[in-house]
Amino acid sequence: MVTTLMSCGKKYKVEGVTSVSRLDGKMLFIKVVSGDQLVNIDSAEVIHGYFRMQGSVDSVVLASLYMDDECIMPFVLEEGNINIEIDNVGISIKGTPLNNNFNKFIEDKTVIDDMAYDVEREESRMIMDGVDLNTVQAEIDRQRASVCKRMDSLVKTFIQDNYENVLGPGVFIMIGNSLPYPFMTPLMEDIVNEAPDIFKNNYLIRNYITLAEEYKDRALN
């Protein structure tokens, strides 16, 4: 199904394959933000592990692939052939320039997420081995800080490299949405302070900053 958001613009084709059996027979939807709502702009049924959608876009947009109300993965809806692979390990979305870029970022982020998980396992191992607790805390704090620094560097560099396309604002908002409430972390403040006007004036960025300021004012009063 294609709504009026789609018109005679740049053509896209989404071709997907999945080995996840529970997806067979399910409907997948492409959704985009329109105002303060998520709008379905395309859909397809998974048949024998395959699905396909195609249409046109007036401009490049950050979309999400959904199954019912479950977001499977954000991706960039842009001109070209977009290839999606879903298995029990994860999801890859490639084939167009911005999606290739975004997929590499997700892969790099997953590596650092795994490092963070390994740090927690190392803490448990050291305690089980009877290492002095002060020594454990000092070492684990050092490792956590190192992993956090790598993650911050990855995120900041990626957003800066994509200030002027949909990926920069999109990933920034994903960071904000992962927080318990609208809040500008030091990393987010650095990203905004160093950003060009095209990023600062993006309506998603302006809206988030406004919400963060309003929440801060309420917390102080």
N, C-alpha and C. Protein backbone atom coordinates (compact mmCIF):
# COMPACT_ATOMS: atom_id res chain seq x y z
N MET A 1 0.84 -1.18 0.00
CA MET A 1 0.00 0.00 0.00
C MET A 1 0.88 1.24 0.00
N VAL A 2 0.56 2.22 -0.83
CA VAL A 2 1.33 3.44 -0.90
C VAL A 2 0.40 4.62 -0.68
N THR A 3 0.75 5.52 0.22
CA THR A 3 -0.10 6.65 0.55
C THR A 3 0.27 7.85 -0.30
N THR A 4 -0.40 8.96 -0.04
CA THR A 4 -0.13 10.18 -0.80
C THR A 4 1.23 10.79 -0.48
N LEU A 5 1.89 10.26 0.56
CA LEU A 5 3.25 10.73 0.82
C LEU A 5 4.18 10.34 -0.32
N MET A 6 3.79 9.30 -1.05
CA MET A 6 4.62 8.80 -2.12
C MET A 6 4.10 9.33 -3.44
N SER A 7 4.96 9.82 -4.29
CA SER A 7 4.52 10.35 -5.57
C SER A 7 5.55 10.01 -6.62
N CYS A 8 5.46 10.65 -7.77
CA CYS A 8 6.36 10.34 -8.87
C CYS A 8 7.72 10.98 -8.61
N GLY A 9 8.49 10.40 -7.74
CA GLY A 9 9.81 10.92 -7.42
C GLY A 9 10.87 9.89 -7.73
N LYS A 10 11.83 9.75 -6.85
CA LYS A 10 12.91 8.80 -7.04
C LYS A 10 12.44 7.40 -6.64
N LYS A 11 12.73 6.43 -7.49
CA LYS A 11 12.20 5.09 -7.28
C LYS A 11 13.09 4.28 -6.34
N TYR A 12 12.46 3.55 -5.44
CA TYR A 12 13.17 2.64 -4.55
C TYR A 12 12.58 1.24 -4.71
N LYS A 13 13.41 0.26 -4.41
CA LYS A 13 12.94 -1.13 -4.36
C LYS A 13 13.57 -1.77 -3.13
N VAL A 14 12.72 -2.33 -2.29
CA VAL A 14 13.18 -3.05 -1.10
C VAL A 14 13.00 -4.54 -1.35
N GLU A 15 14.08 -5.28 -1.28
CA GLU A 15 14.03 -6.73 -1.43
C GLU A 15 14.62 -7.36 -0.18
N GLY A 16 13.83 -8.21 0.47
CA GLY A 16 14.27 -8.77 1.73
C GLY A 16 14.23 -10.28 1.76
N VAL A 17 15.11 -10.85 2.56
CA VAL A 17 15.14 -12.30 2.78
C VAL A 17 15.35 -12.54 4.26
N THR A 18 14.65 -13.53 4.80
CA THR A 18 14.80 -13.85 6.22
C THR A 18 14.77 -15.35 6.45
N SER A 19 15.58 -15.78 7.41
CA SER A 19 15.58 -17.18 7.82
C SER A 19 14.84 -17.36 9.14
N VAL A 20 14.20 -16.27 9.64
CA VAL A 20 13.46 -16.33 10.90
C VAL A 20 12.05 -16.85 10.59
N SER A 21 11.78 -18.05 11.01
CA SER A 21 10.54 -18.72 10.61
C SER A 21 9.29 -17.99 11.11
N ARG A 22 9.38 -17.34 12.26
CA ARG A 22 8.20 -16.69 12.82
C ARG A 22 7.72 -15.52 11.96
N LEU A 23 8.57 -15.03 11.05
CA LEU A 23 8.18 -13.93 10.18
C LEU A 23 7.37 -14.39 8.98
N ASP A 24 7.42 -15.69 8.68
CA ASP A 24 6.70 -16.17 7.51
C ASP A 24 5.19 -15.95 7.66
N GLY A 25 4.60 -15.36 6.64
CA GLY A 25 3.18 -15.06 6.67
C GLY A 25 2.84 -13.75 7.35
N LYS A 26 3.85 -13.09 7.94
CA LYS A 26 3.62 -11.81 8.62
C LYS A 26 3.66 -10.66 7.62
N MET A 27 2.95 -9.57 7.97
CA MET A 27 3.01 -8.35 7.18
C MET A 27 4.09 -7.43 7.76
N LEU A 28 4.94 -6.94 6.87
CA LEU A 28 5.95 -5.96 7.25
C LEU A 28 5.55 -4.61 6.68
N PHE A 29 5.84 -3.56 7.44
CA PHE A 29 5.44 -2.22 7.04
C PHE A 29 6.63 -1.28 7.06
N ILE A 30 6.66 -0.35 6.10
CA ILE A 30 7.60 0.76 6.16
C ILE A 30 6.84 1.94 6.73
N LYS A 31 7.39 2.52 7.82
CA LYS A 31 6.73 3.65 8.47
C LYS A 31 7.70 4.83 8.53
N VAL A 32 7.14 6.02 8.37
CA VAL A 32 7.93 7.25 8.50
C VAL A 32 7.21 8.20 9.44
N VAL A 33 7.95 9.12 10.02
CA VAL A 33 7.37 10.13 10.89
C VAL A 33 6.74 11.22 10.03
N SER A 34 5.48 11.52 10.30
CA SER A 34 4.78 12.63 9.65
C SER A 34 4.13 13.46 10.74
N GLY A 35 4.71 14.64 11.01
CA GLY A 35 4.26 15.43 12.15
C GLY A 35 4.62 14.72 13.43
N ASP A 36 3.61 14.40 14.25
CA ASP A 36 3.86 13.67 15.49
C ASP A 36 3.32 12.24 15.40
N GLN A 37 3.16 11.74 14.17
CA GLN A 37 2.61 10.41 13.98
C GLN A 37 3.53 9.56 13.12
N LEU A 38 3.41 8.23 13.28
CA LEU A 38 4.05 7.29 12.38
C LEU A 38 3.04 6.88 11.32
N VAL A 39 3.44 6.97 10.07
CA VAL A 39 2.52 6.70 8.97
C VAL A 39 3.04 5.53 8.14
N ASN A 40 2.17 4.57 7.83
CA ASN A 40 2.52 3.48 6.93
C ASN A 40 2.60 4.01 5.51
N ILE A 41 3.70 3.73 4.82
CA ILE A 41 3.79 4.16 3.43
C ILE A 41 3.95 2.98 2.47
N ASP A 42 4.24 1.80 3.00
CA ASP A 42 4.35 0.63 2.15
C ASP A 42 4.27 -0.62 3.01
N SER A 43 3.94 -1.74 2.39
CA SER A 43 3.82 -2.98 3.16
C SER A 43 4.01 -4.17 2.24
N ALA A 44 4.34 -5.31 2.83
CA ALA A 44 4.49 -6.55 2.07
C ALA A 44 4.38 -7.73 3.02
N GLU A 45 3.90 -8.84 2.49
CA GLU A 45 3.82 -10.08 3.25
C GLU A 45 5.09 -10.89 3.04
N VAL A 46 5.58 -11.50 4.11
CA VAL A 46 6.73 -12.39 4.02
C VAL A 46 6.23 -13.75 3.53
N ILE A 47 6.69 -14.16 2.37
CA ILE A 47 6.26 -15.43 1.78
C ILE A 47 7.48 -16.30 1.54
N HIS A 48 7.54 -17.44 2.24
CA HIS A 48 8.67 -18.37 2.13
C HIS A 48 10.01 -17.65 2.33
N GLY A 49 10.01 -16.73 3.28
CA GLY A 49 11.26 -16.06 3.64
C GLY A 49 11.63 -14.88 2.78
N TYR A 50 10.74 -14.46 1.89
CA TYR A 50 11.04 -13.34 1.00
C TYR A 50 9.96 -12.27 1.09
N PHE A 51 10.35 -11.04 0.87
CA PHE A 51 9.38 -9.95 0.78
C PHE A 51 9.94 -8.86 -0.14
N ARG A 52 9.04 -8.08 -0.73
CA ARG A 52 9.45 -7.05 -1.67
C ARG A 52 8.48 -5.88 -1.61
N MET A 53 9.03 -4.67 -1.65
CA MET A 53 8.25 -3.44 -1.73
C MET A 53 8.93 -2.50 -2.69
N GLN A 54 8.13 -1.70 -3.40
CA GLN A 54 8.73 -0.70 -4.28
C GLN A 54 7.79 0.48 -4.44
N GLY A 55 8.38 1.62 -4.71
CA GLY A 55 7.58 2.84 -4.84
C GLY A 55 8.48 4.00 -5.18
N SER A 56 8.03 5.21 -4.85
CA SER A 56 8.80 6.41 -5.15
C SER A 56 8.83 7.33 -3.93
N VAL A 57 9.90 8.09 -3.82
CA VAL A 57 10.02 9.06 -2.74
C VAL A 57 10.39 10.41 -3.33
N ASP A 58 9.81 11.46 -2.78
CA ASP A 58 10.16 12.82 -3.22
C ASP A 58 11.51 13.24 -2.67
N SER A 59 11.83 12.74 -1.47
CA SER A 59 13.10 13.09 -0.84
C SER A 59 13.56 11.92 0.03
N VAL A 60 14.82 11.93 0.36
CA VAL A 60 15.37 10.88 1.22
C VAL A 60 14.82 11.04 2.64
N VAL A 61 14.33 9.94 3.21
CA VAL A 61 13.77 10.00 4.56
C VAL A 61 14.30 8.83 5.39
N LEU A 62 14.35 9.05 6.70
CA LEU A 62 14.68 7.97 7.61
C LEU A 62 13.38 7.25 7.95
N ALA A 63 13.32 5.98 7.62
CA ALA A 63 12.13 5.18 7.83
C ALA A 63 12.44 4.06 8.81
N SER A 64 11.44 3.26 9.12
CA SER A 64 11.63 2.08 9.97
C SER A 64 10.83 0.93 9.41
N LEU A 65 11.40 -0.26 9.53
CA LEU A 65 10.71 -1.48 9.13
C LEU A 65 10.02 -2.04 10.36
N TYR A 66 8.71 -2.25 10.24
CA TYR A 66 7.90 -2.71 11.37
C TYR A 66 7.23 -4.04 11.06
N MET A 67 7.04 -4.84 12.10
CA MET A 67 6.11 -5.97 12.07
C MET A 67 5.06 -5.68 13.13
N ASP A 68 3.83 -5.43 12.71
CA ASP A 68 2.78 -4.96 13.61
C ASP A 68 3.27 -3.67 14.28
N ASP A 69 3.32 -3.64 15.61
CA ASP A 69 3.78 -2.44 16.32
C ASP A 69 5.24 -2.55 16.77
N GLU A 70 5.94 -3.56 16.29
CA GLU A 70 7.33 -3.80 16.69
C GLU A 70 8.28 -3.25 15.64
N CYS A 71 9.14 -2.33 16.05
CA CYS A 71 10.14 -1.79 15.14
C CYS A 71 11.27 -2.79 14.98
N ILE A 72 11.48 -3.24 13.76
CA ILE A 72 12.54 -4.21 13.51
C ILE A 72 13.88 -3.52 13.29
N MET A 73 13.84 -2.43 12.49
CA MET A 73 15.11 -1.76 12.18
C MET A 73 14.85 -0.45 11.47
N PRO A 74 15.53 0.63 11.87
CA PRO A 74 15.46 1.86 11.07
C PRO A 74 16.34 1.70 9.83
N PHE A 75 15.99 2.41 8.77
CA PHE A 75 16.81 2.42 7.58
C PHE A 75 16.48 3.66 6.77
N VAL A 76 17.28 3.90 5.74
CA VAL A 76 17.08 5.08 4.91
C VAL A 76 16.30 4.69 3.67
N LEU A 77 15.19 5.38 3.44
CA LEU A 77 14.41 5.16 2.24
C LEU A 77 14.91 6.15 1.19
N GLU A 78 15.66 5.64 0.24
CA GLU A 78 16.28 6.47 -0.78
C GLU A 78 16.25 5.75 -2.11
N GLU A 79 16.60 6.46 -3.15
CA GLU A 79 16.57 5.89 -4.50
C GLU A 79 17.54 4.73 -4.62
N GLY A 80 17.08 3.65 -5.26
CA GLY A 80 17.95 2.51 -5.50
C GLY A 80 17.37 1.22 -4.97
N ASN A 81 18.18 0.18 -5.04
CA ASN A 81 17.78 -1.15 -4.57
C ASN A 81 18.30 -1.36 -3.15
N ILE A 82 17.38 -1.53 -2.23
CA ILE A 82 17.71 -1.70 -0.81
C ILE A 82 17.54 -3.17 -0.46
N ASN A 83 18.61 -3.79 0.01
CA ASN A 83 18.60 -5.22 0.32
C ASN A 83 18.61 -5.44 1.82
N ILE A 84 17.61 -6.18 2.31
CA ILE A 84 17.47 -6.43 3.74
C ILE A 84 17.62 -7.92 4.01
N GLU A 85 18.47 -8.26 4.97
CA GLU A 85 18.63 -9.65 5.40
C GLU A 85 18.36 -9.72 6.90
N ILE A 86 17.45 -10.62 7.28
CA ILE A 86 17.08 -10.78 8.68
C ILE A 86 17.32 -12.23 9.07
N ASP A 87 18.14 -12.44 10.10
CA ASP A 87 18.33 -13.78 10.63
C ASP A 87 18.31 -13.71 12.15
N ASN A 88 18.61 -14.82 12.79
CA ASN A 88 18.54 -14.86 14.26
C ASN A 88 19.70 -14.12 14.91
N VAL A 89 20.70 -13.76 14.14
CA VAL A 89 21.85 -13.02 14.68
C VAL A 89 21.60 -11.53 14.62
N GLY A 90 20.97 -11.08 13.55
CA GLY A 90 20.74 -9.65 13.41
C GLY A 90 20.14 -9.30 12.07
N ILE A 91 20.28 -8.03 11.70
CA ILE A 91 19.70 -7.50 10.48
C ILE A 91 20.76 -6.67 9.75
N SER A 92 20.81 -6.82 8.44
CA SER A 92 21.66 -5.95 7.64
C SER A 92 20.79 -5.29 6.57
N ILE A 93 21.04 -4.02 6.32
CA ILE A 93 20.32 -3.26 5.30
C ILE A 93 21.37 -2.55 4.46
N LYS A 94 21.51 -2.98 3.21
CA LYS A 94 22.56 -2.47 2.35
C LYS A 94 22.01 -2.18 0.95
N GLY A 95 22.90 -1.70 0.09
CA GLY A 95 22.55 -1.56 -1.31
C GLY A 95 22.53 -0.14 -1.82
N THR A 96 22.29 0.83 -0.93
CA THR A 96 22.30 2.24 -1.31
C THR A 96 23.32 2.97 -0.43
N PRO A 97 23.81 4.12 -0.88
CA PRO A 97 24.92 4.78 -0.16
C PRO A 97 24.67 5.02 1.32
N LEU A 98 23.56 5.63 1.67
CA LEU A 98 23.32 5.96 3.08
C LEU A 98 23.05 4.70 3.90
N ASN A 99 22.38 3.72 3.31
CA ASN A 99 22.14 2.48 4.06
C ASN A 99 23.43 1.70 4.28
N ASN A 100 24.33 1.72 3.30
CA ASN A 100 25.63 1.09 3.51
C ASN A 100 26.38 1.77 4.65
N ASN A 101 26.31 3.08 4.67
CA ASN A 101 26.95 3.88 5.71
C ASN A 101 26.36 3.56 7.08
N PHE A 102 25.04 3.55 7.14
CA PHE A 102 24.34 3.28 8.40
C PHE A 102 24.60 1.86 8.88
N ASN A 103 24.61 0.91 7.96
CA ASN A 103 24.84 -0.49 8.34
C ASN A 103 26.23 -0.67 8.94
N LYS A 104 27.23 0.03 8.37
CA LYS A 104 28.59 -0.04 8.93
C LYS A 104 28.61 0.53 10.34
N PHE A 105 27.89 1.61 10.57
CA PHE A 105 27.81 2.19 11.91
C PHE A 105 27.20 1.19 12.89
N ILE A 106 26.11 0.53 12.49
CA ILE A 106 25.47 -0.45 13.37
C ILE A 106 26.42 -1.61 13.67
N GLU A 107 27.17 -2.05 12.67
CA GLU A 107 28.14 -3.12 12.89
C GLU A 107 29.22 -2.69 13.89
N ASP A 108 29.74 -1.48 13.72
CA ASP A 108 30.77 -0.97 14.64
C ASP A 108 30.20 -0.80 16.05
N LYS A 109 28.98 -0.33 16.14
CA LYS A 109 28.33 -0.16 17.45
C LYS A 109 28.13 -1.51 18.13
N THR A 110 27.76 -2.53 17.36
CA THR A 110 27.55 -3.86 17.92
C THR A 110 28.84 -4.41 18.51
N VAL A 111 29.96 -4.15 17.84
CA VAL A 111 31.26 -4.59 18.36
C VAL A 111 31.53 -3.96 19.73
N ILE A 112 31.25 -2.67 19.86
CA ILE A 112 31.49 -1.99 21.14
C ILE A 112 30.49 -2.45 22.19
N ASP A 113 29.24 -2.68 21.79
CA ASP A 113 28.24 -3.24 22.73
C ASP A 113 28.72 -4.58 23.27
N ASP A 114 29.30 -5.40 22.41
CA ASP A 114 29.82 -6.71 22.85
C ASP A 114 30.99 -6.53 23.82
N MET A 115 31.81 -5.51 23.57
CA MET A 115 32.91 -5.22 24.49
C MET A 115 32.38 -4.84 25.87
N ALA A 116 31.31 -4.03 25.89
CA ALA A 116 30.71 -3.64 27.17
C ALA A 116 30.17 -4.85 27.92
N TYR A 117 29.57 -5.78 27.18
CA TYR A 117 29.06 -7.01 27.79
C TYR A 117 30.21 -7.84 28.36
N ASP A 118 31.33 -7.89 27.64
CA ASP A 118 32.49 -8.65 28.10
C ASP A 118 33.07 -8.05 29.39
N VAL A 119 33.00 -6.73 29.52
CA VAL A 119 33.48 -6.09 30.74
C VAL A 119 32.67 -6.56 31.95
N GLU A 120 31.36 -6.64 31.78
CA GLU A 120 30.51 -7.10 32.89
C GLU A 120 30.81 -8.56 33.23
N ARG A 121 31.07 -9.37 32.24
CA ARG A 121 31.44 -10.77 32.48
C ARG A 121 32.78 -10.86 33.20
N GLU A 122 33.70 -9.97 32.81
CA GLU A 122 35.01 -9.95 33.44
C GLU A 122 34.90 -9.58 34.92
N GLU A 123 33.99 -8.66 35.24
CA GLU A 123 33.78 -8.30 36.64
C GLU A 123 33.32 -9.52 37.45
N SER A 124 32.37 -10.24 36.92
CA SER A 124 31.88 -11.44 37.61
C SER A 124 32.99 -12.47 37.77
N ARG A 125 33.80 -12.65 36.71
CA ARG A 125 34.88 -13.64 36.77
C ARG A 125 35.90 -13.27 37.84
N MET A 126 36.27 -11.97 37.90
CA MET A 126 37.26 -11.55 38.88
C MET A 126 36.75 -11.75 40.30
N ILE A 127 35.48 -11.46 40.53
CA ILE A 127 34.90 -11.65 41.86
C ILE A 127 34.88 -13.13 42.22
N MET A 128 34.49 -13.97 41.25
CA MET A 128 34.45 -15.43 41.48
C MET A 128 35.86 -15.97 41.78
N ASP A 129 36.87 -15.34 41.18
CA ASP A 129 38.25 -15.78 41.39
C ASP A 129 38.84 -15.26 42.69
N GLY A 130 38.06 -14.45 43.41
CA GLY A 130 38.52 -13.98 44.71
C GLY A 130 39.43 -12.78 44.67
N VAL A 131 39.41 -12.04 43.57
CA VAL A 131 40.24 -10.84 43.47
C VAL A 131 39.71 -9.78 44.44
N ASP A 132 40.64 -9.05 45.05
CA ASP A 132 40.26 -7.99 45.99
C ASP A 132 39.25 -7.05 45.34
N LEU A 133 38.17 -6.73 46.08
CA LEU A 133 37.07 -5.95 45.51
C LEU A 133 37.50 -4.55 45.07
N ASN A 134 38.41 -3.95 45.80
CA ASN A 134 38.90 -2.64 45.39
C ASN A 134 39.65 -2.71 44.06
N THR A 135 40.40 -3.79 43.91
CA THR A 135 41.12 -4.02 42.65
C THR A 135 40.13 -4.25 41.51
N VAL A 136 39.10 -5.04 41.81
CA VAL A 136 38.07 -5.31 40.80
C VAL A 136 37.42 -4.00 40.35
N GLN A 137 37.01 -3.19 41.31
CA GLN A 137 36.32 -1.94 40.98
C GLN A 137 37.20 -1.03 40.14
N ALA A 138 38.46 -0.89 40.53
CA ALA A 138 39.37 0.00 39.80
C ALA A 138 39.56 -0.48 38.36
N GLU A 139 39.74 -1.79 38.19
CA GLU A 139 39.96 -2.33 36.85
C GLU A 139 38.71 -2.24 35.98
N ILE A 140 37.58 -2.60 36.56
CA ILE A 140 36.33 -2.56 35.79
C ILE A 140 35.94 -1.13 35.45
N ASP A 141 36.13 -0.20 36.38
CA ASP A 141 35.85 1.21 36.09
C ASP A 141 36.72 1.69 34.93
N ARG A 142 37.99 1.25 34.92
CA ARG A 142 38.90 1.65 33.83
C ARG A 142 38.40 1.10 32.50
N GLN A 143 38.01 -0.18 32.50
CA GLN A 143 37.54 -0.79 31.26
C GLN A 143 36.23 -0.17 30.78
N ARG A 144 35.32 0.10 31.72
CA ARG A 144 34.05 0.72 31.35
C ARG A 144 34.29 2.10 30.73
N ALA A 145 35.18 2.87 31.33
CA ALA A 145 35.47 4.21 30.82
C ALA A 145 36.06 4.14 29.40
N SER A 146 36.90 3.13 29.18
CA SER A 146 37.51 2.96 27.86
C SER A 146 36.46 2.63 26.81
N VAL A 147 35.55 1.71 27.16
CA VAL A 147 34.49 1.32 26.22
C VAL A 147 33.56 2.50 25.96
N CYS A 148 33.21 3.23 27.01
CA CYS A 148 32.33 4.39 26.88
C CYS A 148 32.96 5.45 25.97
N LYS A 149 34.26 5.66 26.13
CA LYS A 149 34.96 6.63 25.30
C LYS A 149 34.92 6.23 23.83
N ARG A 150 35.10 4.92 23.56
CA ARG A 150 35.05 4.44 22.19
C ARG A 150 33.66 4.62 21.60
N MET A 151 32.63 4.34 22.40
CA MET A 151 31.26 4.49 21.91
C MET A 151 30.95 5.96 21.62
N ASP A 152 31.33 6.84 22.53
CA ASP A 152 31.08 8.26 22.34
C ASP A 152 31.78 8.76 21.07
N SER A 153 33.01 8.30 20.86
CA SER A 153 33.77 8.72 19.69
C SER A 153 33.10 8.22 18.41
N LEU A 154 32.64 6.98 18.43
CA LEU A 154 31.96 6.42 17.26
C LEU A 154 30.71 7.23 16.93
N VAL A 155 29.88 7.46 17.93
CA VAL A 155 28.61 8.16 17.73
C VAL A 155 28.86 9.59 17.26
N LYS A 156 29.76 10.29 17.94
CA LYS A 156 30.02 11.69 17.59
C LYS A 156 30.55 11.82 16.17
N THR A 157 31.52 10.98 15.83
CA THR A 157 32.11 11.04 14.50
C THR A 157 31.07 10.73 13.43
N PHE A 158 30.22 9.72 13.69
CA PHE A 158 29.21 9.35 12.71
C PHE A 158 28.22 10.49 12.49
N ILE A 159 27.74 11.07 13.57
CA ILE A 159 26.77 12.17 13.42
C ILE A 159 27.42 13.36 12.73
N GLN A 160 28.65 13.68 13.10
CA GLN A 160 29.33 14.80 12.46
C GLN A 160 29.53 14.56 10.97
N ASP A 161 29.87 13.32 10.61
CA ASP A 161 30.05 12.99 9.20
C ASP A 161 28.74 13.05 8.42
N ASN A 162 27.62 13.00 9.15
CA ASN A 162 26.30 12.97 8.51
C ASN A 162 25.41 14.12 8.97
N TYR A 163 26.04 15.22 9.38
CA TYR A 163 25.28 16.40 9.81
C TYR A 163 24.25 16.82 8.76
N GLU A 164 24.61 16.71 7.48
CA GLU A 164 23.81 17.33 6.43
C GLU A 164 22.91 16.34 5.69
N ASN A 165 22.76 15.12 6.21
CA ASN A 165 21.78 14.20 5.64
C ASN A 165 20.93 13.62 6.77
N VAL A 166 20.02 12.73 6.44
CA VAL A 166 19.03 12.27 7.43
C VAL A 166 19.65 11.42 8.54
N LEU A 167 20.83 10.86 8.32
CA LEU A 167 21.42 9.97 9.32
C LEU A 167 21.88 10.72 10.57
N GLY A 168 22.45 11.91 10.40
CA GLY A 168 22.92 12.67 11.56
C GLY A 168 21.81 12.97 12.55
N PRO A 169 20.76 13.68 12.12
CA PRO A 169 19.64 13.93 13.03
C PRO A 169 18.97 12.64 13.50
N GLY A 170 18.87 11.66 12.61
CA GLY A 170 18.20 10.41 12.98
C GLY A 170 18.88 9.69 14.12
N VAL A 171 20.20 9.56 14.05
CA VAL A 171 20.93 8.87 15.12
C VAL A 171 20.92 9.70 16.39
N PHE A 172 20.99 11.02 16.25
CA PHE A 172 20.91 11.89 17.43
C PHE A 172 19.60 11.65 18.18
N ILE A 173 18.49 11.58 17.45
CA ILE A 173 17.19 11.36 18.08
C ILE A 173 17.11 9.96 18.67
N MET A 174 17.74 8.99 18.03
CA MET A 174 17.76 7.63 18.61
C MET A 174 18.45 7.63 19.97
N ILE A 175 19.52 8.40 20.09
CA ILE A 175 20.20 8.52 21.39
C ILE A 175 19.24 9.13 22.40
N GLY A 176 18.57 10.21 22.01
CA GLY A 176 17.63 10.86 22.91
C GLY A 176 16.50 9.94 23.33
N ASN A 177 15.98 9.17 22.38
CA ASN A 177 14.88 8.26 22.69
C ASN A 177 15.30 7.10 23.59
N SER A 178 16.60 6.83 23.67
CA SER A 178 17.08 5.76 24.55
C SER A 178 17.19 6.20 26.00
N LEU A 179 17.07 7.51 26.24
CA LEU A 179 17.16 8.04 27.60
C LEU A 179 15.79 7.97 28.28
N PRO A 180 15.76 7.94 29.61
CA PRO A 180 14.47 7.82 30.31
C PRO A 180 13.58 9.05 30.16
N TYR A 181 14.16 10.18 29.82
CA TYR A 181 13.40 11.41 29.61
C TYR A 181 14.24 12.33 28.71
N PRO A 182 13.63 13.34 28.07
CA PRO A 182 14.40 14.25 27.21
C PRO A 182 15.51 14.94 28.01
N PHE A 183 16.72 14.75 27.58
CA PHE A 183 17.87 15.24 28.34
C PHE A 183 19.04 15.41 27.38
N MET A 184 19.78 16.51 27.53
CA MET A 184 20.96 16.75 26.72
C MET A 184 22.20 16.29 27.49
N THR A 185 22.74 15.14 27.10
CA THR A 185 23.96 14.66 27.71
C THR A 185 25.13 15.54 27.26
N PRO A 186 26.27 15.48 27.96
CA PRO A 186 27.43 16.25 27.50
C PRO A 186 27.81 15.94 26.05
N LEU A 187 27.72 14.66 25.67
CA LEU A 187 28.02 14.28 24.29
C LEU A 187 27.07 14.96 23.32
N MET A 188 25.78 14.93 23.64
CA MET A 188 24.78 15.54 22.76
C MET A 188 24.99 17.05 22.67
N GLU A 189 25.35 17.69 23.78
CA GLU A 189 25.61 19.13 23.77
C GLU A 189 26.80 19.46 22.88
N ASP A 190 27.86 18.63 22.96
CA ASP A 190 29.03 18.84 22.10
C ASP A 190 28.65 18.72 20.63
N ILE A 191 27.84 17.71 20.32
CA ILE A 191 27.44 17.49 18.93
C ILE A 191 26.67 18.69 18.40
N VAL A 192 25.73 19.20 19.19
CA VAL A 192 24.93 20.35 18.75
C VAL A 192 25.78 21.60 18.67
N ASN A 193 26.63 21.84 19.66
CA ASN A 193 27.44 23.06 19.69
C ASN A 193 28.38 23.14 18.48
N GLU A 194 28.84 22.00 18.01
CA GLU A 194 29.78 21.98 16.89
C GLU A 194 29.10 21.82 15.54
N ALA A 195 27.76 21.74 15.55
CA ALA A 195 27.02 21.43 14.33
C ALA A 195 26.78 22.67 13.47
N PRO A 196 26.65 22.48 12.15
CA PRO A 196 26.26 23.58 11.28
C PRO A 196 24.77 23.88 11.45
N ASP A 197 24.34 25.00 10.90
CA ASP A 197 22.95 25.44 11.06
C ASP A 197 21.96 24.43 10.48
N ILE A 198 22.34 23.76 9.39
CA ILE A 198 21.41 22.82 8.77
C ILE A 198 21.01 21.71 9.74
N PHE A 199 21.93 21.35 10.63
CA PHE A 199 21.64 20.34 11.65
C PHE A 199 20.83 20.95 12.78
N LYS A 200 21.28 22.10 13.28
CA LYS A 200 20.59 22.75 14.40
C LYS A 200 19.16 23.12 14.06
N ASN A 201 18.91 23.44 12.79
CA ASN A 201 17.58 23.88 12.37
C ASN A 201 16.67 22.74 11.94
N ASN A 202 17.19 21.51 11.96
CA ASN A 202 16.35 20.36 11.66
C ASN A 202 15.21 20.30 12.69
N TYR A 203 13.99 20.09 12.21
CA TYR A 203 12.85 20.18 13.13
C TYR A 203 12.91 19.13 14.22
N LEU A 204 13.47 17.95 13.94
CA LEU A 204 13.59 16.91 14.97
C LEU A 204 14.56 17.36 16.07
N ILE A 205 15.65 17.98 15.66
CA ILE A 205 16.65 18.45 16.62
C ILE A 205 16.08 19.60 17.44
N ARG A 206 15.45 20.56 16.77
CA ARG A 206 14.87 21.70 17.50
C ARG A 206 13.82 21.22 18.50
N ASN A 207 13.00 20.28 18.08
CA ASN A 207 11.94 19.78 18.95
C ASN A 207 12.53 19.07 20.16
N TYR A 208 13.57 18.26 19.94
CA TYR A 208 14.15 17.53 21.07
C TYR A 208 14.80 18.49 22.06
N ILE A 209 15.54 19.47 21.55
CA ILE A 209 16.20 20.43 22.44
C ILE A 209 15.16 21.19 23.26
N THR A 210 14.06 21.57 22.61
CA THR A 210 12.98 22.26 23.32
C THR A 210 12.40 21.40 24.43
N LEU A 211 12.15 20.13 24.13
CA LEU A 211 11.61 19.22 25.14
C LEU A 211 12.59 19.04 26.30
N ALA A 212 13.88 18.93 25.98
CA ALA A 212 14.90 18.78 27.02
C ALA A 212 14.96 20.01 27.92
N GLU A 213 14.85 21.19 27.32
CA GLU A 213 14.88 22.43 28.10
C GLU A 213 13.64 22.54 28.98
N GLU A 214 12.48 22.17 28.44
CA GLU A 214 11.24 22.22 29.22
C GLU A 214 11.31 21.26 30.40
N TYR A 215 11.84 20.07 30.16
CA TYR A 215 11.95 19.08 31.25
C TYR A 215 12.91 19.59 32.32
N LYS A 216 14.01 20.19 31.89
CA LYS A 216 14.99 20.72 32.85
C LYS A 216 14.38 21.82 33.69
N ASP A 217 13.60 22.70 33.04
CA ASP A 217 12.95 23.81 33.78
C ASP A 217 11.96 23.26 34.81
N ARG A 218 11.20 22.24 34.42
CA ARG A 218 10.23 21.65 35.37
C ARG A 218 10.95 20.99 36.55
N ALA A 219 12.08 20.37 36.27
CA ALA A 219 12.84 19.68 37.31
C ALA A 219 13.43 20.68 38.32
N LEU A 220 13.76 21.87 37.84
CA LEU A 220 14.39 22.88 38.70
C LEU A 220 13.34 23.66 39.51
N ASN A 221 12.09 23.64 39.07
CA ASN A 221 11.05 24.45 39.73
C ASN A 221 10.16 23.63 40.66
